[in-house]
Each structure stands twice: as C-alpha cells, then as structure tokens.
Protein backbone atom coordinates (compact mmCIF):
# COMPACT_ATOMS: atom_id res chain seq x y z
CA MET A 1 -0.03 -0.05 -0.03
CA LYS A 2 1.18 3.41 -0.89
CA LYS A 3 2.13 5.78 1.91
CA VAL A 4 1.22 9.56 2.24
CA ALA A 5 2.64 11.90 4.81
CA VAL A 6 0.33 14.78 5.79
CA LEU A 7 2.10 17.55 7.54
CA ILE A 8 0.57 19.09 10.70
CA GLU A 9 1.38 22.19 12.75
CA ASN A 10 -0.72 24.55 15.10
CA ASN A 11 -2.95 26.95 13.20
CA PHE A 12 -3.89 24.46 10.52
CA GLU A 13 -6.91 25.26 8.33
CA GLU A 14 -9.23 22.52 9.56
CA SER A 15 -10.79 21.63 5.99
CA GLU A 16 -7.34 21.62 4.45
CA LEU A 17 -6.02 19.04 6.98
CA LEU A 18 -9.10 16.72 7.41
CA TYR A 19 -10.32 16.58 3.86
CA PRO A 20 -7.08 15.37 2.34
CA TYR A 21 -6.36 13.09 5.36
CA HIS A 22 -9.66 11.23 5.15
CA ARG A 23 -9.67 11.02 1.31
CA PHE A 24 -6.04 9.79 1.20
CA LYS A 25 -6.92 7.16 3.96
CA GLU A 26 -9.57 5.61 1.65
CA ASP A 27 -6.79 4.33 -0.57
CA PHE A 28 -3.36 4.84 1.12
CA GLU A 29 -1.73 4.54 4.54
CA VAL A 30 -1.56 8.10 5.95
CA THR A 31 0.94 9.39 8.51
CA LEU A 32 0.35 12.80 10.40
CA VAL A 33 3.91 14.30 10.58
CA GLY A 34 4.40 17.31 12.87
CA THR A 35 7.41 18.95 14.13
CA ASP A 36 7.00 16.59 17.15
CA ALA A 37 5.67 13.20 17.40
CA ASP A 38 2.49 12.37 19.53
CA THR A 39 1.70 15.91 20.00
CA GLU A 40 -1.69 17.72 19.82
CA TYR A 41 -1.93 20.53 17.40
CA THR A 42 -4.69 23.08 17.34
CA GLY A 43 -6.59 24.30 14.21
CA LYS A 44 -6.72 27.91 13.50
CA SER A 45 -10.41 28.17 14.88
CA GLY A 46 -8.99 26.99 18.12
CA GLY A 47 -11.55 24.19 18.65
CA LEU A 48 -10.18 21.29 16.74
CA LYS A 49 -7.07 19.42 18.13
CA VAL A 50 -5.47 16.62 16.13
CA LYS A 51 -2.51 14.55 17.18
CA SER A 52 0.60 13.94 15.16
CA ASP A 53 1.83 10.31 14.54
CA LYS A 54 5.37 10.93 13.95
CA ALA A 55 8.06 13.88 14.06
CA SER A 56 9.53 15.06 10.87
CA LYS A 57 13.00 14.28 12.23
CA ASP A 58 12.14 10.77 12.60
CA VAL A 59 10.92 9.87 9.10
CA SER A 60 12.53 10.21 5.66
CA ALA A 61 11.46 10.49 2.03
CA ASP A 62 12.07 6.78 1.83
CA ASP A 63 9.08 6.20 4.12
CA PHE A 64 6.45 7.71 1.84
CA ASP A 65 5.22 7.97 -1.73
CA ALA A 66 3.72 11.45 -1.33
CA ILE A 67 3.64 14.31 1.06
CA TYR A 68 0.89 16.85 1.54
CA VAL A 69 1.05 20.41 2.96
CA PRO A 70 -2.21 21.80 4.36
CA GLY A 71 -2.71 25.59 4.54
CA GLY A 72 -4.01 27.94 7.15
CA TYR A 73 -1.11 29.48 9.05
CA SER A 74 0.47 26.21 10.00
CA PRO A 75 3.11 26.42 7.14
CA ASP A 76 4.62 29.49 8.61
CA ALA A 77 5.57 27.43 11.55
CA MET A 78 6.52 24.28 9.45
CA ARG A 79 9.07 26.23 7.36
CA LYS A 80 10.79 27.07 10.69
CA CYS A 81 11.38 23.37 11.39
CA GLU A 82 14.44 22.23 9.54
CA ALA A 83 13.55 18.48 9.57
CA THR A 84 10.06 19.30 7.99
CA VAL A 85 11.65 21.44 5.22
CA LYS A 86 14.34 18.88 4.67
CA LEU A 87 11.52 16.16 4.21
CA VAL A 88 9.75 18.16 1.70
CA LYS A 89 12.97 18.92 -0.23
CA ASP A 90 13.82 15.33 -0.17
CA MET A 91 10.58 14.08 -1.26
CA HIS A 92 10.70 16.41 -4.25
CA GLU A 93 14.33 15.49 -5.19
CA ALA A 94 13.31 11.75 -5.11
CA GLY A 95 10.63 12.62 -7.69
CA LYS A 96 7.83 11.71 -5.19
CA MET A 97 4.55 13.64 -5.22
CA VAL A 98 4.40 16.94 -3.18
CA GLY A 99 1.05 18.54 -2.82
CA ALA A 100 0.18 21.91 -1.14
CA VAL A 101 -2.77 24.25 -0.71
CA CYS A 102 -3.37 27.83 0.43
CA HIS A 103 -0.33 28.96 2.38
CA GLY A 104 1.23 25.46 2.02
CA PRO A 105 3.56 26.53 -0.91
CA TRP A 106 5.44 28.60 1.67
CA VAL A 107 6.98 25.41 2.74
CA LEU A 108 7.90 24.54 -0.88
CA ALA A 109 9.56 27.99 -1.11
CA GLU A 110 11.51 27.27 2.01
CA ALA A 111 12.69 23.99 0.67
CA ASP A 112 13.91 25.85 -2.41
CA ILE A 113 12.13 23.66 -4.88
CA LEU A 114 10.00 26.26 -6.76
CA GLU A 115 12.58 27.61 -9.15
CA GLY A 116 10.94 27.72 -12.60
CA VAL A 117 7.89 25.65 -11.37
CA ASN A 118 4.20 26.57 -12.31
CA VAL A 119 2.25 26.68 -9.09
CA THR A 120 -0.88 28.36 -7.32
CA SER A 121 -1.56 29.25 -3.78
CA VAL A 122 -3.77 31.60 -1.98
CA PRO A 123 -3.37 34.97 -3.66
CA THR A 124 -2.04 36.72 -0.65
CA ILE A 125 1.26 34.78 -0.82
CA LYS A 126 1.75 35.05 -4.54
CA THR A 127 4.53 37.53 -4.20
CA ASP A 128 6.39 35.30 -1.94
CA ILE A 129 6.08 32.40 -4.36
CA LYS A 130 7.17 34.47 -7.36
CA ASN A 131 10.11 35.56 -5.40
CA ALA A 132 11.02 31.83 -4.80
CA GLY A 133 11.27 31.67 -8.55
CA ALA A 134 7.99 30.08 -9.49
CA ASN A 135 5.56 31.02 -12.12
CA TRP A 136 2.35 31.85 -10.14
CA GLU A 137 -1.01 31.32 -11.73
CA ASP A 138 -4.60 31.68 -10.43
CA SER A 139 -6.10 28.35 -11.08
CA GLU A 140 -7.95 25.71 -8.91
CA LEU A 141 -5.20 23.11 -9.50
CA VAL A 142 -1.67 23.42 -11.07
CA VAL A 143 0.38 20.34 -11.65
CA ASP A 144 4.05 20.67 -12.71
CA LYS A 145 6.01 17.49 -12.75
CA ASN A 146 5.56 16.05 -9.17
CA ILE A 147 4.27 19.28 -7.48
CA TYR A 148 0.41 19.59 -7.14
CA THR A 149 -0.86 22.85 -5.71
CA ALA A 150 -4.31 24.36 -5.11
CA ARG A 151 -5.59 27.84 -3.83
CA THR A 152 -8.14 27.28 -1.29
CA PRO A 153 -10.45 24.79 0.40
CA LYS A 154 -12.81 24.99 -2.54
CA ASP A 155 -10.21 23.50 -4.76
CA LEU A 156 -9.48 20.56 -2.58
CA ALA A 157 -11.90 18.12 -4.24
CA VAL A 158 -10.28 18.69 -7.61
CA GLN A 159 -6.54 18.50 -6.18
CA VAL A 160 -6.91 15.55 -3.95
CA LYS A 161 -8.82 13.53 -6.57
CA LYS A 162 -6.09 14.14 -9.04
CA MET A 163 -3.24 13.41 -6.52
CA SER A 164 -5.19 10.15 -5.50
CA GLU A 165 -5.61 9.13 -9.06
CA ASP A 166 -1.99 9.88 -10.10
CA LEU A 167 -0.70 8.23 -6.87
CA ALA A 168 -2.74 5.04 -7.59
CA LYS A 169 -1.10 4.56 -10.98
C-alpha cells in the first residue's frame, strides 16, 4: 500500500487538513507528521485538536510515496522546522508527489524547490511564491511534474482527486 505523509502544525486550516487526510486514507496509508511526534496540534479556529503520529526528524522520504502540506497559518511554523523542510525537499528530489494548498507553498519555497515551477496558492502569498522563482497562476489546480498545488478549500476536491488518481497508478 502506498504511503502519504500529511504535515501538521498549529494553526492549520481544518478543512485543508481533514479533507485530504480522510480522502487519502480511503486508498493509502496516511501518517500525520508534525514538528514533534504524538503531539496535539490546534486548528486555526481554536476548537479542533489533532495529534501527530510522527516527528519530521524521525521519518525520511524513503518512508512515503507522497507528502501533503495543508494551509491555514501552519505552514509558517512548518517552514521554521529544518527537519520538515528537509523532508519536503527530499521528497521532491526523489521525484515523489508533493502537494500543497493555500499557504502550503510557503514550505515549498523554504525547501527551495520552486525555481521555474508553475504553481498556485492563496493569492495573498503570490509575491512570496514568485520571489522563490515560481511562475504563479490563479487556477484551482496546477500540476508541474511532481508538484500539485491548489488555492483554497474550494479547490481541494479537484486537487486531492487528481493526486489520488496519479498516486494509484
């Protein structure tokens, strides 16, 4: 069974964590990877708490076939964790699937994997994404090689469906 890492950190957008997590679980083994293992992280609304399975420092790109970066404001914290950034970079360099939504591409920018890549994100970070060398576009889904990006929760169904289909191949 293929394996997907879904990143988690405080201030995650609830729908951008839960929808991909549960949809991927329908067909794949899913691991919630945080800065720390077995740690409860809180969504940006403050009500939902979700516990990580593993710490990013304790896993590697060899453990997964895909990685997913939910949005909200959690990517701001994710990009401060060297092990998380390294995991994303290593996944990309191994040619494995990398997905991100909303503010998630901040982590891809920090991993320095966006040079010349076509991506989308929430429009408020498009300047950051362009400054990382990406070609930003306002589309519900942008796929460039192994990077799958979407703008907002309304784009999740299209993005996660495409990722699931391609991962199942």
